[in-house]
Amino acid sequence: MKIKIRAEDPQDYAAIRKVNDAAFEQQNEGRLVEALRAMPDYIAGLSLVAEADGEIVGHILFSPAEIRYKEVVHHAIALAPMAVLPAWQSRGIGSQLVEEGLRRARQLGYGAVIVLGHEWFYPRFGFRPASHWGIRCPFPVPDAAFMAIELRQDALKGVKGMVKYSRPFDEV
């Protein structure tokens, strides 16, 4: 089956909500996507869907984030959420979404991505524990699950501090 990865369209919104609600077995991520989409700094070109035979079966979203240390602020983007309908999982769709999302983020000039996710999944794309750079999560998580990747060589060189996610993340 051919999977097409493309930027979301407004007519995809209900299907994107369905994918996130089903994949996470609750509604927080679906609400998060809608709240992030309403933010003025929303990056429309980095909300991607995976489509199979006209059906939305996966979704990934990247949104602005900051890494703050004292008075210094570094800009990055956060990968969250990423979801695939349960019936479509373990077919490489999530990997295709991540690869295409990172490619587009690099093309748009972003330097680094932060993710909180499965330590067995994200390293295959080049993610490493964020602690490698002295970057910390604003809430307690296992070190191996909080990761970052440089999209541009040395984009995180000398960067350290606490990640500040967009406001909608505070509500999930």
C-alpha atoms as a PDB file:
ATOM      1  CA  MET A   1       0.000   0.000   0.000  1.00  0.00           C
ATOM      2  CA  LYS A   2       1.303   3.415  -0.989  1.00  0.00           C
ATOM      3  CA  ILE A   3       1.417   5.985   1.805  1.00  0.00           C
ATOM      4  CA  LYS A   4       1.368   9.660   0.862  1.00  0.00           C
ATOM      5  CA  ILE A   5       2.841  12.156   3.342  1.00  0.00           C
ATOM      6  CA  ARG A   6       1.567  15.701   2.856  1.00  0.00           C
ATOM      7  CA  ALA A   7       0.800  18.907   4.734  1.00  0.00           C
ATOM      8  CA  GLU A   8      -2.576  18.965   6.442  1.00  0.00           C
ATOM      9  CA  ASP A   9      -5.541  20.733   4.873  1.00  0.00           C
ATOM     10  CA  PRO A  10      -8.499  22.189   6.808  1.00  0.00           C
ATOM     11  CA  GLN A  11     -10.700  19.325   5.602  1.00  0.00           C
ATOM     12  CA  ASP A  12      -8.321  16.925   7.435  1.00  0.00           C
ATOM     13  CA  TYR A  13      -8.944  18.382  10.906  1.00  0.00           C
ATOM     14  CA  ALA A  14     -11.624  15.881  12.007  1.00  0.00           C
ATOM     15  CA  ALA A  15      -9.583  12.926  10.739  1.00  0.00           C
ATOM     16  CA  ILE A  16      -6.461  14.239  12.500  1.00  0.00           C
ATOM     17  CA  ARG A  17      -8.427  14.448  15.755  1.00  0.00           C
ATOM     18  CA  LYS A  18      -9.652  10.876  15.213  1.00  0.00           C
ATOM     19  CA  VAL A  19      -6.110   9.582  14.584  1.00  0.00           C
ATOM     20  CA  ASN A  20      -4.713  11.227  17.727  1.00  0.00           C
ATOM     21  CA  ASP A  21      -7.642  10.188  19.937  1.00  0.00           C
ATOM     22  CA  ALA A  22      -7.419   6.563  18.737  1.00  0.00           C
ATOM     23  CA  ALA A  23      -3.628   6.284  18.906  1.00  0.00           C
ATOM     24  CA  PHE A  24      -3.388   7.717  22.427  1.00  0.00           C
ATOM     25  CA  GLU A  25      -6.672   6.151  23.608  1.00  0.00           C
ATOM     26  CA  GLN A  26      -7.851   9.478  25.029  1.00  0.00           C
ATOM     27  CA  GLN A  27      -8.554  13.021  23.847  1.00  0.00           C
ATOM     28  CA  ASN A  28      -5.659  15.096  25.221  1.00  0.00           C
ATOM     29  CA  GLU A  29      -3.503  14.952  22.089  1.00  0.00           C
ATOM     30  CA  GLY A  30      -6.449  15.721  19.797  1.00  0.00           C
ATOM     31  CA  ARG A  31      -7.218  18.801  21.895  1.00  0.00           C
ATOM     32  CA  LEU A  32      -3.510  19.713  21.948  1.00  0.00           C
ATOM     33  CA  VAL A  33      -3.325  19.698  18.131  1.00  0.00           C
ATOM     34  CA  GLU A  34      -6.361  21.954  17.892  1.00  0.00           C
ATOM     35  CA  ALA A  35      -4.971  24.360  20.523  1.00  0.00           C
ATOM     36  CA  LEU A  36      -1.554  24.500  18.809  1.00  0.00           C
ATOM     37  CA  ARG A  37      -3.228  25.121  15.466  1.00  0.00           C
ATOM     38  CA  ALA A  38      -4.943  28.187  17.007  1.00  0.00           C
ATOM     39  CA  MET A  39      -1.633  29.717  18.176  1.00  0.00           C
ATOM     40  CA  PRO A  40      -0.283  32.718  16.219  1.00  0.00           C
ATOM     41  CA  ASP A  41       3.115  30.993  15.762  1.00  0.00           C
ATOM     42  CA  TYR A  42       1.583  27.784  14.369  1.00  0.00           C
ATOM     43  CA  ILE A  43       3.743  26.274  11.607  1.00  0.00           C
ATOM     44  CA  ALA A  44       1.182  25.012   9.077  1.00  0.00           C
ATOM     45  CA  GLY A  45       3.821  23.401   6.864  1.00  0.00           C
ATOM     46  CA  LEU A  46       4.934  21.173   9.741  1.00  0.00           C
ATOM     47  CA  SER A  47       1.607  19.519  10.472  1.00  0.00           C
ATOM     48  CA  LEU A  48       1.721  16.481   8.222  1.00  0.00           C
ATOM     49  CA  VAL A  49      -0.643  13.627   7.541  1.00  0.00           C
ATOM     50  CA  ALA A  50      -0.098  10.112   6.239  1.00  0.00           C
ATOM     51  CA  GLU A  51      -2.772   9.168   3.740  1.00  0.00           C
ATOM     52  CA  ALA A  52      -3.594   5.684   2.445  1.00  0.00           C
ATOM     53  CA  ASP A  53      -6.282   5.313  -0.232  1.00  0.00           C
ATOM     54  CA  GLY A  54      -7.752   8.688   0.688  1.00  0.00           C
ATOM     55  CA  GLU A  55      -7.894   7.912   4.434  1.00  0.00           C
ATOM     56  CA  ILE A  56      -5.816   9.812   7.003  1.00  0.00           C
ATOM     57  CA  VAL A  57      -3.989   7.094   8.958  1.00  0.00           C
ATOM     58  CA  GLY A  58      -1.241   9.124  10.648  1.00  0.00           C
ATOM     59  CA  HIS A  59      -0.304  12.613  11.780  1.00  0.00           C
ATOM     60  CA  ILE A  60       2.754  14.485  13.052  1.00  0.00           C
ATOM     61  CA  LEU A  61       3.061  18.034  14.340  1.00  0.00           C
ATOM     62  CA  PHE A  62       6.034  20.292  15.059  1.00  0.00           C
ATOM     63  CA  SER A  63       5.592  23.512  17.027  1.00  0.00           C
ATOM     64  CA  PRO A  64       7.846  26.294  18.315  1.00  0.00           C
ATOM     65  CA  ALA A  65       9.723  25.715  21.574  1.00  0.00           C
ATOM     66  CA  GLU A  66      12.395  27.595  23.471  1.00  0.00           C
ATOM     67  CA  ILE A  67      15.429  26.474  25.432  1.00  0.00           C
ATOM     68  CA  ARG A  68      15.984  28.982  28.227  1.00  0.00           C
ATOM     69  CA  TYR A  69      18.992  29.480  30.459  1.00  0.00           C
ATOM     70  CA  LYS A  70      18.984  32.586  32.621  1.00  0.00           C
ATOM     71  CA  GLU A  71      18.407  35.466  30.176  1.00  0.00           C
ATOM     72  CA  VAL A  72      19.422  33.482  27.068  1.00  0.00           C
ATOM     73  CA  VAL A  73      16.720  32.019  24.816  1.00  0.00           C
ATOM     74  CA  HIS A  74      17.427  29.572  21.987  1.00  0.00           C
ATOM     75  CA  HIS A  75      14.705  28.660  19.512  1.00  0.00           C
ATOM     76  CA  ALA A  76      13.896  25.097  18.500  1.00  0.00           C
ATOM     77  CA  ILE A  77      10.819  23.133  17.527  1.00  0.00           C
ATOM     78  CA  ALA A  78       9.082  20.345  19.412  1.00  0.00           C
ATOM     79  CA  LEU A  79       7.856  17.168  17.757  1.00  0.00           C
ATOM     80  CA  ALA A  80       4.521  16.366  19.403  1.00  0.00           C
ATOM     81  CA  PRO A  81       2.275  14.643  18.930  1.00  0.00           C
ATOM     82  CA  MET A  82       2.938  11.894  16.410  1.00  0.00           C
ATOM     83  CA  ALA A  83       0.174   9.346  15.967  1.00  0.00           C
ATOM     84  CA  VAL A  84      -0.817   6.468  13.718  1.00  0.00           C
ATOM     85  CA  LEU A  85      -4.199   4.713  13.801  1.00  0.00           C
ATOM     86  CA  PRO A  86      -3.801   1.473  15.786  1.00  0.00           C
ATOM     87  CA  ALA A  87      -4.759  -0.722  12.805  1.00  0.00           C
ATOM     88  CA  TRP A  88      -1.974   0.927  10.773  1.00  0.00           C
ATOM     89  CA  GLN A  89       0.809   0.793  13.349  1.00  0.00           C
ATOM     90  CA  SER A  90       4.008  -1.241  12.836  1.00  0.00           C
ATOM     91  CA  ARG A  91       3.980  -0.596   9.079  1.00  0.00           C
ATOM     92  CA  GLY A  92       6.607   2.153   8.987  1.00  0.00           C
ATOM     93  CA  ILE A  93       4.121   5.024   8.754  1.00  0.00           C
ATOM     94  CA  GLY A  94       5.429   6.726  11.897  1.00  0.00           C
ATOM     95  CA  SER A  95       8.962   6.510  10.526  1.00  0.00           C
ATOM     96  CA  GLN A  96       7.865   8.059   7.235  1.00  0.00           C
ATOM     97  CA  LEU A  97       6.163  10.899   9.114  1.00  0.00           C
ATOM     98  CA  VAL A  98       9.253  11.581  11.229  1.00  0.00           C
ATOM     99  CA  GLU A  99      11.622  11.449   8.248  1.00  0.00           C
ATOM    100  CA  GLU A 100       9.491  13.773   6.130  1.00  0.00           C
ATOM    101  CA  GLY A 101       8.861  16.108   9.071  1.00  0.00           C
ATOM    102  CA  LEU A 102      12.579  16.419   9.816  1.00  0.00           C
ATOM    103  CA  ARG A 103      13.313  16.948   6.119  1.00  0.00           C
ATOM    104  CA  ARG A 104      10.762  19.753   5.870  1.00  0.00           C
ATOM    105  CA  ALA A 105      11.895  21.338   9.156  1.00  0.00           C
ATOM    106  CA  ARG A 106      15.493  21.365   7.904  1.00  0.00           C
ATOM    107  CA  GLN A 107      14.329  22.850   4.590  1.00  0.00           C
ATOM    108  CA  LEU A 108      12.465  25.610   6.470  1.00  0.00           C
ATOM    109  CA  GLY A 109      15.678  26.499   8.298  1.00  0.00           C
ATOM    110  CA  TYR A 110      14.997  25.109  11.760  1.00  0.00           C
ATOM    111  CA  GLY A 111      18.146  24.115  13.645  1.00  0.00           C
ATOM    112  CA  ALA A 112      16.977  21.652  16.275  1.00  0.00           C
ATOM    113  CA  VAL A 113      14.047  19.476  17.326  1.00  0.00           C
ATOM    114  CA  ILE A 114      13.076  18.338  20.828  1.00  0.00           C
ATOM    115  CA  VAL A 115      10.986  15.217  21.451  1.00  0.00           C
ATOM    116  CA  LEU A 116       9.670  13.324  24.435  1.00  0.00           C
ATOM    117  CA  GLY A 117       9.128   9.817  23.171  1.00  0.00           C
ATOM    118  CA  HIS A 118      10.075   6.184  22.991  1.00  0.00           C
ATOM    119  CA  GLU A 119      13.800   5.738  23.517  1.00  0.00           C
ATOM    120  CA  TRP A 120      13.777   2.725  21.169  1.00  0.00           C
ATOM    121  CA  PHE A 121      12.116   4.644  18.291  1.00  0.00           C
ATOM    122  CA  TYR A 122      13.573   8.147  17.895  1.00  0.00           C
ATOM    123  CA  PRO A 123      17.337   7.391  18.016  1.00  0.00           C
ATOM    124  CA  ARG A 124      17.087   5.721  14.590  1.00  0.00           C
ATOM    125  CA  PHE A 125      16.544   9.235  13.155  1.00  0.00           C
ATOM    126  CA  GLY A 126      19.527  10.724  14.972  1.00  0.00           C
ATOM    127  CA  PHE A 127      17.869  11.852  18.202  1.00  0.00           C
ATOM    128  CA  ARG A 128      20.059  11.691  21.319  1.00  0.00           C
ATOM    129  CA  PRO A 129      19.253  12.339  24.962  1.00  0.00           C
ATOM    130  CA  ALA A 130      18.854  16.112  25.306  1.00  0.00           C
ATOM    131  CA  SER A 131      20.990  15.953  28.437  1.00  0.00           C
ATOM    132  CA  HIS A 132      23.952  15.483  26.077  1.00  0.00           C
ATOM    133  CA  TRP A 133      23.664  19.231  25.444  1.00  0.00           C
ATOM    134  CA  GLY A 134      22.563  20.162  28.955  1.00  0.00           C
ATOM    135  CA  ILE A 135      18.946  20.552  27.833  1.00  0.00           C
ATOM    136  CA  ARG A 136      16.325  19.661  30.422  1.00  0.00           C
ATOM    137  CA  CYS A 137      12.639  18.859  30.340  1.00  0.00           C
ATOM    138  CA  PRO A 138      10.371  21.121  32.446  1.00  0.00           C
ATOM    139  CA  PHE A 139       8.847  18.094  34.195  1.00  0.00           C
ATOM    140  CA  PRO A 140      10.252  14.773  35.445  1.00  0.00           C
ATOM    141  CA  VAL A 141      10.859  12.240  32.661  1.00  0.00           C
ATOM    142  CA  PRO A 142      13.397   9.471  32.095  1.00  0.00           C
ATOM    143  CA  ASP A 143      16.594  10.922  30.626  1.00  0.00           C
ATOM    144  CA  ALA A 144      16.563   8.490  27.689  1.00  0.00           C
ATOM    145  CA  ALA A 145      13.026   9.544  26.673  1.00  0.00           C
ATOM    146  CA  PHE A 146      13.737  13.284  26.387  1.00  0.00           C
ATOM    147  CA  MET A 147      15.740  13.767  23.199  1.00  0.00           C
ATOM    148  CA  ALA A 148      16.981  16.321  20.699  1.00  0.00           C
ATOM    149  CA  ILE A 149      18.446  16.346  17.211  1.00  0.00           C
ATOM    150  CA  GLU A 150      20.477  18.970  15.405  1.00  0.00           C
ATOM    151  CA  LEU A 151      19.086  19.655  11.936  1.00  0.00           C
ATOM    152  CA  ARG A 152      22.006  21.965  11.264  1.00  0.00           C
ATOM    153  CA  GLN A 153      25.546  21.106  12.344  1.00  0.00           C
ATOM    154  CA  ASP A 154      26.314  22.532  15.792  1.00  0.00           C
ATOM    155  CA  ALA A 155      22.830  24.068  16.121  1.00  0.00           C
ATOM    156  CA  LEU A 156      22.861  23.070  19.791  1.00  0.00           C
ATOM    157  CA  LYS A 157      26.531  23.786  20.431  1.00  0.00           C
ATOM    158  CA  GLY A 158      26.761  25.756  23.658  1.00  0.00           C
ATOM    159  CA  VAL A 159      22.996  25.547  24.178  1.00  0.00           C
ATOM    160  CA  LYS A 160      21.752  24.457  27.576  1.00  0.00           C
ATOM    161  CA  GLY A 161      18.766  25.097  29.742  1.00  0.00           C
ATOM    162  CA  MET A 162      15.125  24.228  30.307  1.00  0.00           C
ATOM    163  CA  VAL A 163      12.709  23.681  27.431  1.00  0.00           C
ATOM    164  CA  LYS A 164       9.671  25.928  27.366  1.00  0.00           C
ATOM    165  CA  TYR A 165       6.867  24.452  25.267  1.00  0.00           C
ATOM    166  CA  SER A 166       4.027  26.475  23.720  1.00  0.00           C
ATOM    167  CA  ARG A 167       1.253  27.321  26.170  1.00  0.00           C
ATOM    168  CA  PRO A 168      -1.188  24.568  25.028  1.00  0.00           C
ATOM    169  CA  PHE A 169       1.251  21.923  26.328  1.00  0.00           C
ATOM    170  CA  ASP A 170       0.612  23.205  29.855  1.00  0.00           C
ATOM    171  CA  GLU A 171      -2.943  21.889  29.591  1.00  0.00           C
ATOM    172  CA  VAL A 172      -2.127  18.251  28.696  1.00  0.00           C
END
